[in-house]
Structures are given as C-alpha cells and as structure tokens.
Amino acid sequence: MTERQKRVLIVDDEEDLTWTLSKKLSKDNDKFELICVNSGKEAIEVLNQLPVNLAITDVRMPEVSGLELLVQIKDLYPDTKVIIMTAYGTSDVQKEANERGCFKYIEKPFEINELRQLILNAITEKKGFKGSVSDFQLSDIIQLNCLGRLTSALKVSCEGEEGTIYFQEGNIIHAETEYLEGENAFYHIMGWQGGEFSVLRNHKNPRESINKGWQGLLLESLRRVDERSDLAKREIEREKRKRQRKIESLVENIFKSEGVEHIFIQTRLGFPLFYQGGMTEKTEIMNKLGNKISTLIDAVENSSRFMRGKELEFTAVHFSNRHFIMQKIPHQDAYLSILGQPNMNNAFIRLEIKKVLDDLVKMI
C-alpha cells in the first residue's frame, strides 16, 4: 500500500458477497487497498494489526455483531469511518441516520457502483461520518439493534436517571424508567442528552408494552427531540432579551446623560455582551471597536506590571474630541465601557457606575 493509498475493510458473514465485492472493487486498487473478512472476530484481528481508514460492516453476524464491532472501532480507533450494511432499513430511517449519525447506512441489495462511490467519498472527505463512542447518539445504537434483528436490552443512564429499552428480533417491545413504561418511557429516554449505555445481548423481557413499529417510534422521538430543542432555543433567546432589557434599564441614567454616545459591555477578548447606541445595526464596526478596547485592556495591564498595579479596574482616557471610560465588572470576565463627546460629565458617570455595578454583576 502506498503512502497516499487508503485501506478499506469489508466485514460480512456472507462469503459469496465478500468474494464478489473483492473482485468487483479490485479495479480501484490504485485508490484503496481492500481487505474482506467474514466475521467480526476476524475484523478485530485486522484492526489490531493494521490502520484502517474505512470499515464497512454488516449488522447481523454471529459471535460479534455489527453493533459490537462498531462500538469497538469507535472506542479504539475513532478516526476509522464506518458504513453499515443492512437488509432491514427503510428510506426514511436511512435518511435520518445518514443526516444525524456518526456513520452511514447502505441498504442491501445495493449496486456495486453505489458502494464504490460511497467508499471513494468516504476516503477523500476530510470531514465525515466518524467519531468516538461518546459521539454516538442514542438513536444510532437503537437503529443498529433493530437493523441487526437483535434480541437484547439497552440500559441507559443519564444524570442519575436510568432506563431500559428491550428488543426482540429487532422490534422494540418494552421500555421502562423508574416512573414510566411503554412508549412514554421510550420517548423520555430518547430525550436525554448524553449519558452512558450498555447492551445486554440475548436479554429477553417477558412483558410487551409497545406495539408500534421501531421506525415510527424512532422518527417520532427524533421529532420530539427537535421540538424540545426549538423550545429550549426560544427560551434561551427570551431570557437573553429579558437580561438585555434589565441591563438597559440599569444604565439608562448613564446613556441619557450629556455627551454619552455608546455604552458597551464586552469580555476581555472583545466578545460583545451588551450595546446601546447608534451602531446597533453596524455589527462589523462594533466588533472592530470591541477588538480595539480588548487591545487597550491588554496594553494597560501589561504596563501595570511595571507599576505593580495588577488587574485593571477603572480607566478614563480623554482625547481631544472623545472621552472614554472603562470599568471592570467585579468577579466577571467583562468590562463596561462608555464612549462620548468631551462634554461628558465624567464625575456623574462614575457615580452612576458605582450605583449599578453590583446589579450588573448579577446580569452578566
């Protein structure tokens, strides 16, 4: 294998399929080296000995399933991309999986050229469907259990809560948490962000509380997650606007005082947290000014080391046609800056800053 050539591993217990693929894809040996094996165990042996850029594996295999192989690959070789072959997919679920998951699906039977193009795309893309076990979404693991027609239990834990989803021949038949069961428990578990999971293979559950098809369950749960995400984003935006209005109220007396043109609150690195003035729509100018203020903070604090002044708390700079006042907000990585004309009443502004400083600390 040349330095630029990639290595592709195909894993399927159907020997006729791997033989056919090895023959048909051999014409691309100038682009990638192909290795075909017929079990998950053999695949692990190859991975332990050779770097592999792309692994293509069937889901349903004896001894080591495609799910178990995928978990091992992503745990030990996170840079290896993965394509899942399955005979049990649907177009809707496949589309969702390819858009959301950290690996891709191809449904059997497939055209050789379809797989060939998928391989070429995978080995040439710098970004793609790869990641570690921690990158897995719960939907990824559920799909692999269902597509592999596995009988198992999936135990999930997240922030002190625990739940279990039971599969029988790839169908989701039961789900339970401490207080919920059935579909309600399944949707609740699917809404958890992060957490840990473990798969108990050949683990049967005597009860059946779910009759809905797994594709419908999964798509509905993804829809609910998206809905909750949109609600959360709107709530965050509402809270942000509420906080901005409170800050605006706190600095109202300063902004209305004679000569004041702009009020900024920004981080040490120049990231804007609040602005009031005539440049609300001119974000590029605001960002540039924020960067300049950040540079000024660095320059003053660097100079202060020679004066043993340590951290900058307050500064006032008088230019011939502008006055600039800046106050460090205590216990925060933030600074309040006021820029205006030479007729600014600096003494009044400093008094007003002292009045609102404690409340500003709570708002940032």
Protein backbone atom coordinates (compact mmCIF):
# COMPACT_ATOMS: atom_id res chain seq x y z
CA MET A 1 0.00 0.00 0.00
CA THR A 2 1.42 3.40 -0.98
CA GLU A 3 1.61 6.32 1.45
CA ARG A 4 -1.35 8.06 -0.20
CA GLN A 5 -3.43 4.90 -0.61
CA LYS A 6 -6.25 4.23 1.86
CA ARG A 7 -7.24 0.94 3.45
CA VAL A 8 -10.85 -0.30 3.40
CA LEU A 9 -12.12 -3.24 5.47
CA ILE A 10 -15.34 -5.07 4.50
CA VAL A 11 -16.96 -7.39 7.06
CA ASP A 12 -19.86 -9.73 6.20
CA ASP A 13 -20.57 -13.35 7.07
CA GLU A 14 -21.83 -14.00 3.52
CA GLU A 15 -18.72 -15.32 1.79
CA ASP A 16 -20.28 -15.00 -1.68
CA LEU A 17 -20.84 -11.29 -1.09
CA THR A 18 -17.33 -10.52 0.16
CA TRP A 19 -15.83 -12.57 -2.74
CA THR A 20 -17.91 -10.62 -5.27
CA LEU A 21 -17.03 -7.27 -3.72
CA SER A 22 -13.31 -8.07 -3.61
CA LYS A 23 -13.39 -8.93 -7.34
CA LYS A 24 -15.55 -6.02 -8.47
CA LEU A 25 -13.70 -3.40 -6.43
CA SER A 26 -10.23 -4.64 -7.35
CA LYS A 27 -10.10 -2.15 -10.26
CA ASP A 28 -9.77 0.62 -7.68
CA ASN A 29 -6.62 -0.82 -6.11
CA ASP A 30 -4.77 2.34 -7.14
CA LYS A 31 -7.07 4.31 -4.81
CA PHE A 32 -7.52 1.96 -1.86
CA GLU A 33 -6.38 -1.41 -0.55
CA LEU A 34 -9.35 -3.70 0.11
CA ILE A 35 -9.46 -6.35 2.84
CA CYS A 36 -12.52 -8.63 3.14
CA VAL A 37 -13.26 -10.83 6.16
CA ASN A 38 -16.26 -12.94 7.16
CA SER A 39 -16.67 -12.29 10.88
CA GLY A 40 -16.44 -9.56 13.46
CA LYS A 41 -13.69 -11.51 15.21
CA GLU A 42 -11.52 -11.50 12.07
CA ALA A 43 -12.22 -7.79 11.61
CA ILE A 44 -10.93 -7.02 15.11
CA GLU A 45 -7.75 -9.00 14.39
CA VAL A 46 -7.16 -6.91 11.23
CA LEU A 47 -7.84 -3.65 13.07
CA ASN A 48 -5.41 -4.61 15.82
CA GLN A 49 -2.63 -5.09 13.27
CA LEU A 50 -3.26 -2.51 10.52
CA PRO A 51 -4.54 1.08 10.32
CA VAL A 52 -7.91 1.13 8.55
CA ASN A 53 -9.44 4.29 7.08
CA LEU A 54 -12.90 2.89 6.43
CA ALA A 55 -14.77 -0.14 7.79
CA ILE A 56 -17.90 -1.46 6.06
CA THR A 57 -19.77 -3.99 8.17
CA ASP A 58 -22.99 -5.97 8.14
CA VAL A 59 -25.15 -5.58 11.26
CA ARG A 60 -26.35 -9.13 11.78
CA MET A 61 -23.43 -11.52 12.25
CA PRO A 62 -22.77 -14.44 14.63
CA GLU A 63 -20.37 -14.14 17.59
CA VAL A 64 -19.52 -10.44 17.18
CA SER A 65 -22.42 -8.37 15.80
CA GLY A 66 -22.05 -5.25 13.70
CA LEU A 67 -23.09 -3.19 16.73
CA GLU A 68 -20.39 -4.72 18.93
CA LEU A 69 -17.81 -4.25 16.17
CA LEU A 70 -18.85 -0.61 15.68
CA VAL A 71 -18.52 0.14 19.39
CA GLN A 72 -15.04 -1.42 19.47
CA ILE A 73 -13.95 0.53 16.39
CA LYS A 74 -15.17 3.84 17.77
CA ASP A 75 -13.66 3.12 21.18
CA LEU A 76 -10.21 2.01 19.98
CA TYR A 77 -9.93 3.55 16.51
CA PRO A 78 -12.05 6.75 16.49
CA ASP A 79 -10.52 8.01 13.23
CA THR A 80 -11.86 4.99 11.31
CA LYS A 81 -15.01 5.85 9.40
CA VAL A 82 -17.83 3.30 9.34
CA ILE A 83 -20.51 2.31 6.84
CA ILE A 84 -23.24 -0.07 7.98
CA MET A 85 -24.73 -2.62 5.55
CA THR A 86 -28.24 -3.79 6.35
CA ALA A 87 -31.07 -5.66 4.67
CA TYR A 88 -33.70 -4.27 7.03
CA GLY A 89 -33.67 -0.50 6.54
CA THR A 90 -36.26 1.93 5.25
CA SER A 91 -35.64 5.07 3.20
CA ASP A 92 -36.93 7.43 5.93
CA VAL A 93 -34.84 5.89 8.68
CA GLN A 94 -31.80 5.63 6.42
CA LYS A 95 -32.11 9.34 5.56
CA GLU A 96 -32.40 10.31 9.25
CA ALA A 97 -29.45 8.06 10.14
CA ASN A 98 -27.19 9.47 7.44
CA GLU A 99 -28.02 13.06 8.46
CA ARG A 100 -27.76 12.62 12.22
CA GLY A 101 -25.46 9.69 12.96
CA CYS A 102 -21.69 9.33 13.15
CA PHE A 103 -21.74 6.60 10.47
CA LYS A 104 -23.67 5.92 7.26
CA TYR A 105 -26.03 3.17 6.09
CA ILE A 106 -26.28 1.37 2.76
CA GLU A 107 -29.23 -0.94 2.26
CA LYS A 108 -28.94 -4.40 0.74
CA PRO A 109 -29.25 -5.26 -2.08
CA PHE A 110 -27.15 -2.42 -3.45
CA GLU A 111 -25.39 -1.71 -6.74
CA ILE A 112 -21.61 -2.17 -6.68
CA ASN A 113 -21.19 1.32 -8.14
CA GLU A 114 -23.29 2.76 -5.31
CA LEU A 115 -20.97 1.22 -2.70
CA ARG A 116 -17.89 2.15 -4.75
CA GLN A 117 -18.93 5.83 -4.83
CA LEU A 118 -19.67 5.79 -1.10
CA ILE A 119 -16.17 4.38 -0.46
CA LEU A 120 -14.48 6.96 -2.68
CA ASN A 121 -16.40 9.79 -0.99
CA ALA A 122 -15.50 8.48 2.46
CA ILE A 123 -11.76 8.13 1.86
CA THR A 124 -11.42 11.53 0.18
CA GLU A 125 -13.54 13.67 2.51
CA LYS A 126 -11.55 15.33 5.28
CA LYS A 127 -14.71 15.69 7.33
CA GLY A 128 -17.21 12.91 7.54
CA PHE A 129 -19.03 10.25 9.44
CA LYS A 130 -16.53 9.40 12.13
CA GLY A 131 -16.16 9.86 15.86
CA SER A 132 -15.73 8.08 19.17
CA VAL A 133 -18.25 6.13 21.24
CA SER A 134 -19.05 9.37 23.07
CA ASP A 135 -20.21 10.82 19.72
CA PHE A 136 -22.94 8.18 19.33
CA GLN A 137 -26.48 9.37 19.60
CA LEU A 138 -28.87 7.00 21.30
CA SER A 139 -30.76 6.70 18.01
CA ASP A 140 -27.62 5.25 16.39
CA ILE A 141 -27.48 2.38 18.88
CA ILE A 142 -31.21 1.71 18.67
CA GLN A 143 -31.11 1.54 14.88
CA LEU A 144 -28.28 -0.98 14.97
CA ASN A 145 -30.20 -3.21 17.40
CA CYS A 146 -33.27 -3.06 15.16
CA LEU A 147 -31.49 -3.40 11.83
CA GLY A 148 -29.49 -6.34 13.17
CA ARG A 149 -32.71 -8.04 14.31
CA LEU A 150 -31.14 -8.47 17.74
CA THR A 151 -32.80 -9.72 20.92
CA SER A 152 -31.24 -7.60 23.62
CA ALA A 153 -31.70 -4.94 26.26
CA LEU A 154 -30.20 -1.46 26.09
CA LYS A 155 -29.54 0.04 29.52
CA VAL A 156 -29.18 3.82 29.52
CA SER A 157 -28.23 6.19 32.34
CA CYS A 158 -28.17 9.98 32.35
CA GLU A 159 -27.72 12.40 35.28
CA GLY A 160 -28.97 9.99 37.94
CA GLU A 161 -31.82 8.54 35.87
CA GLU A 162 -31.82 5.02 34.48
CA GLY A 163 -33.91 3.37 31.80
CA THR A 164 -34.00 0.19 29.75
CA ILE A 165 -35.21 -0.45 26.20
CA TYR A 166 -35.94 -4.10 25.26
CA PHE A 167 -35.62 -5.55 21.75
CA GLN A 168 -36.96 -8.84 20.41
CA GLU A 169 -35.78 -9.85 16.92
CA GLY A 170 -35.16 -6.18 16.20
CA ASN A 171 -38.55 -4.92 17.41
CA ILE A 172 -38.81 -2.56 20.36
CA ILE A 173 -41.23 -4.35 22.66
CA HIS A 174 -40.82 -2.59 26.01
CA ALA A 175 -39.21 0.41 27.68
CA GLU A 176 -39.14 1.42 31.32
CA THR A 177 -37.76 4.04 33.68
CA GLU A 178 -38.34 4.47 37.39
CA TYR A 179 -41.77 6.07 36.87
CA LEU A 180 -42.71 5.37 33.24
CA GLU A 181 -43.11 2.43 30.90
CA GLY A 182 -44.06 1.72 27.29
CA GLU A 183 -43.94 4.44 24.63
CA ASN A 184 -43.85 7.23 27.24
CA ALA A 185 -40.71 5.71 28.77
CA PHE A 186 -39.11 5.29 25.33
CA TYR A 187 -39.72 8.94 24.35
CA HIS A 188 -38.49 10.09 27.76
CA ILE A 189 -35.22 8.13 27.42
CA MET A 190 -34.72 9.41 23.87
CA GLY A 191 -34.91 12.96 25.19
CA TRP A 192 -31.87 12.52 27.45
CA GLN A 193 -28.79 14.49 26.48
CA GLY A 194 -25.58 12.45 26.79
CA GLY A 195 -25.18 9.67 29.34
CA GLU A 196 -23.91 6.10 29.15
CA PHE A 197 -25.26 2.89 27.67
CA SER A 198 -24.60 -0.84 27.83
CA VAL A 199 -26.01 -3.62 25.63
CA LEU A 200 -27.13 -6.90 27.16
CA ARG A 201 -27.18 -9.38 24.26
CA ASN A 202 -29.85 -12.13 24.12
CA HIS A 203 -31.57 -10.50 27.10
CA LYS A 204 -35.32 -11.20 26.89
CA ASN A 205 -38.12 -9.31 28.60
CA PRO A 206 -41.34 -11.17 29.48
CA ARG A 207 -43.58 -8.09 29.05
CA GLU A 208 -44.64 -6.34 25.86
CA SER A 209 -45.87 -2.77 26.31
CA ILE A 210 -45.03 -1.37 22.85
CA ASN A 211 -46.72 -2.47 19.61
CA LYS A 212 -45.67 0.40 17.35
CA GLY A 213 -43.02 -0.29 14.69
CA TRP A 214 -39.49 0.77 15.62
CA GLN A 215 -39.14 3.06 12.60
CA GLY A 216 -42.23 5.03 13.64
CA LEU A 217 -41.06 5.16 17.26
CA LEU A 218 -37.64 6.41 16.29
CA LEU A 219 -38.84 9.06 13.85
CA GLU A 220 -41.43 10.31 16.36
CA SER A 221 -38.82 10.50 19.12
CA LEU A 222 -36.46 12.47 16.84
CA ARG A 223 -39.31 14.84 16.00
CA ARG A 224 -39.97 15.38 19.72
CA VAL A 225 -36.28 15.99 20.43
CA ASP A 226 -36.19 18.61 17.66
CA GLU A 227 -39.32 20.22 19.07
CA ARG A 228 -37.85 20.39 22.56
CA SER A 229 -34.63 21.78 21.14
CA ASP A 230 -36.54 24.55 19.34
CA LEU A 231 -38.43 25.37 22.54
CA ALA A 232 -35.17 25.48 24.50
CA LYS A 233 -33.60 27.82 21.93
CA ARG A 234 -36.60 30.13 22.08
CA GLU A 235 -36.47 30.13 25.88
CA ILE A 236 -32.75 30.99 25.83
CA GLU A 237 -33.46 33.84 23.40
CA ARG A 238 -36.28 35.13 25.64
CA GLU A 239 -34.01 35.08 28.67
CA LYS A 240 -31.30 36.88 26.70
CA ARG A 241 -33.72 39.64 25.65
CA LYS A 242 -35.01 39.95 29.22
CA ARG A 243 -31.45 40.30 30.52
CA GLN A 244 -30.65 42.92 27.86
CA ARG A 245 -33.71 44.97 28.88
CA LYS A 246 -32.66 44.83 32.55
CA ILE A 247 -29.13 46.00 31.70
CA GLU A 248 -30.60 48.75 29.52
CA SER A 249 -32.67 49.88 32.48
CA LEU A 250 -29.64 49.85 34.80
CA VAL A 251 -27.53 52.04 32.50
CA GLU A 252 -30.41 54.31 31.44
CA ASN A 253 -29.23 57.30 33.50
CA ILE A 254 -25.71 56.98 32.11
CA PHE A 255 -26.88 56.74 28.49
CA LYS A 256 -29.18 59.74 28.84
CA SER A 257 -26.52 61.90 30.42
CA GLU A 258 -24.97 64.67 28.35
CA GLY A 259 -22.37 63.69 25.75
CA VAL A 260 -22.70 59.89 26.02
CA GLU A 261 -22.84 58.18 22.60
CA HIS A 262 -22.07 54.48 23.18
CA ILE A 263 -22.22 52.00 26.05
CA PHE A 264 -20.53 48.60 25.67
CA ILE A 265 -20.24 45.56 27.87
CA GLN A 266 -17.77 43.02 26.49
CA THR A 267 -15.49 40.20 27.52
CA ARG A 268 -11.74 40.57 27.93
CA LEU A 269 -11.29 39.14 24.41
CA GLY A 270 -13.74 41.63 22.89
CA PHE A 271 -16.89 39.46 22.64
CA PRO A 272 -19.92 41.81 22.91
CA LEU A 273 -22.41 41.13 25.71
CA PHE A 274 -24.42 44.36 25.53
CA TYR A 275 -24.52 47.50 23.43
CA GLN A 276 -26.58 50.68 23.44
CA GLY A 277 -26.00 53.46 20.97
CA GLY A 278 -26.23 54.36 17.30
CA MET A 279 -24.34 51.37 15.88
CA THR A 280 -26.75 48.57 16.68
CA GLU A 281 -27.06 47.57 13.01
CA LYS A 282 -23.37 48.08 12.25
CA THR A 283 -22.05 44.86 13.74
CA GLU A 284 -18.76 44.98 11.83
CA ILE A 285 -17.87 48.39 13.32
CA MET A 286 -18.97 47.22 16.78
CA ASN A 287 -16.77 44.14 16.54
CA LYS A 288 -13.79 46.21 15.45
CA LEU A 289 -14.30 48.62 18.34
CA GLY A 290 -14.61 45.68 20.72
CA ASN A 291 -11.28 44.34 19.48
CA LYS A 292 -9.65 47.76 19.93
CA ILE A 293 -10.94 48.01 23.50
CA SER A 294 -9.61 44.50 24.18
CA THR A 295 -6.20 45.58 22.85
CA LEU A 296 -6.30 48.65 25.10
CA ILE A 297 -7.01 46.49 28.17
CA ASP A 298 -4.01 44.29 27.35
CA ALA A 299 -1.74 47.30 26.83
CA VAL A 300 -2.75 48.97 30.11
CA GLU A 301 -2.43 45.77 32.14
CA ASN A 302 0.97 44.96 30.59
CA SER A 303 2.15 48.42 31.59
CA SER A 304 0.72 47.99 35.09
CA ARG A 305 3.15 45.15 35.83
CA PHE A 306 5.92 47.71 35.97
CA MET A 307 3.81 49.79 38.40
CA ARG A 308 2.65 46.76 40.43
CA GLY A 309 -0.91 47.69 39.58
CA LYS A 310 -2.02 44.14 38.66
CA GLU A 311 -5.55 43.95 37.19
CA LEU A 312 -7.19 46.97 35.52
CA GLU A 313 -10.28 48.11 37.45
CA PHE A 314 -11.07 51.57 36.08
CA THR A 315 -9.64 53.89 33.47
CA ALA A 316 -10.61 57.20 31.87
CA VAL A 317 -8.96 58.45 28.68
CA HIS A 318 -9.51 61.98 27.40
CA PHE A 319 -8.86 62.54 23.71
CA SER A 320 -9.18 65.95 22.06
CA ASN A 321 -12.61 65.11 20.67
CA ARG A 322 -13.69 62.00 22.63
CA HIS A 323 -13.82 60.78 26.21
CA PHE A 324 -13.56 57.08 27.06
CA ILE A 325 -14.39 55.49 30.44
CA MET A 326 -13.98 51.80 31.26
CA GLN A 327 -14.92 49.89 34.43
CA LYS A 328 -14.05 46.25 35.18
CA ILE A 329 -17.16 44.34 36.32
CA PRO A 330 -16.11 42.54 39.53
CA HIS A 331 -15.88 38.72 39.52
CA GLN A 332 -16.69 38.62 35.78
CA ASP A 333 -14.68 38.43 32.58
CA ALA A 334 -16.41 41.62 31.44
CA TYR A 335 -15.85 45.37 31.13
CA LEU A 336 -18.30 48.30 30.97
CA SER A 337 -17.16 50.97 28.50
CA ILE A 338 -18.65 54.43 27.85
CA LEU A 339 -17.61 56.48 24.84
CA GLY A 340 -18.77 60.03 24.18
CA GLN A 341 -18.02 63.68 23.49
CA PRO A 342 -15.71 65.91 25.55
CA ASN A 343 -18.72 67.42 27.37
CA MET A 344 -19.42 64.08 29.11
CA ASN A 345 -19.86 64.53 32.86
CA ASN A 346 -17.26 62.02 33.98
CA ALA A 347 -17.86 62.52 37.70
CA PHE A 348 -21.61 61.88 37.32
CA ILE A 349 -20.99 58.79 35.16
CA ARG A 350 -18.55 57.34 37.66
CA LEU A 351 -21.11 57.88 40.46
CA GLU A 352 -23.81 56.12 38.39
CA ILE A 353 -21.47 53.21 37.62
CA LYS A 354 -20.92 52.67 41.37
CA LYS A 355 -24.71 52.60 41.91
CA VAL A 356 -25.37 49.86 39.32
CA LEU A 357 -22.17 47.82 39.49
CA ASP A 358 -23.46 45.17 41.93
CA ASP A 359 -26.58 44.64 39.86
CA LEU A 360 -24.57 44.39 36.66
CA VAL A 361 -22.54 41.59 38.20
CA LYS A 362 -25.77 39.56 38.51
CA MET A 363 -26.84 40.30 34.93
CA ILE A 364 -23.63 39.18 33.18
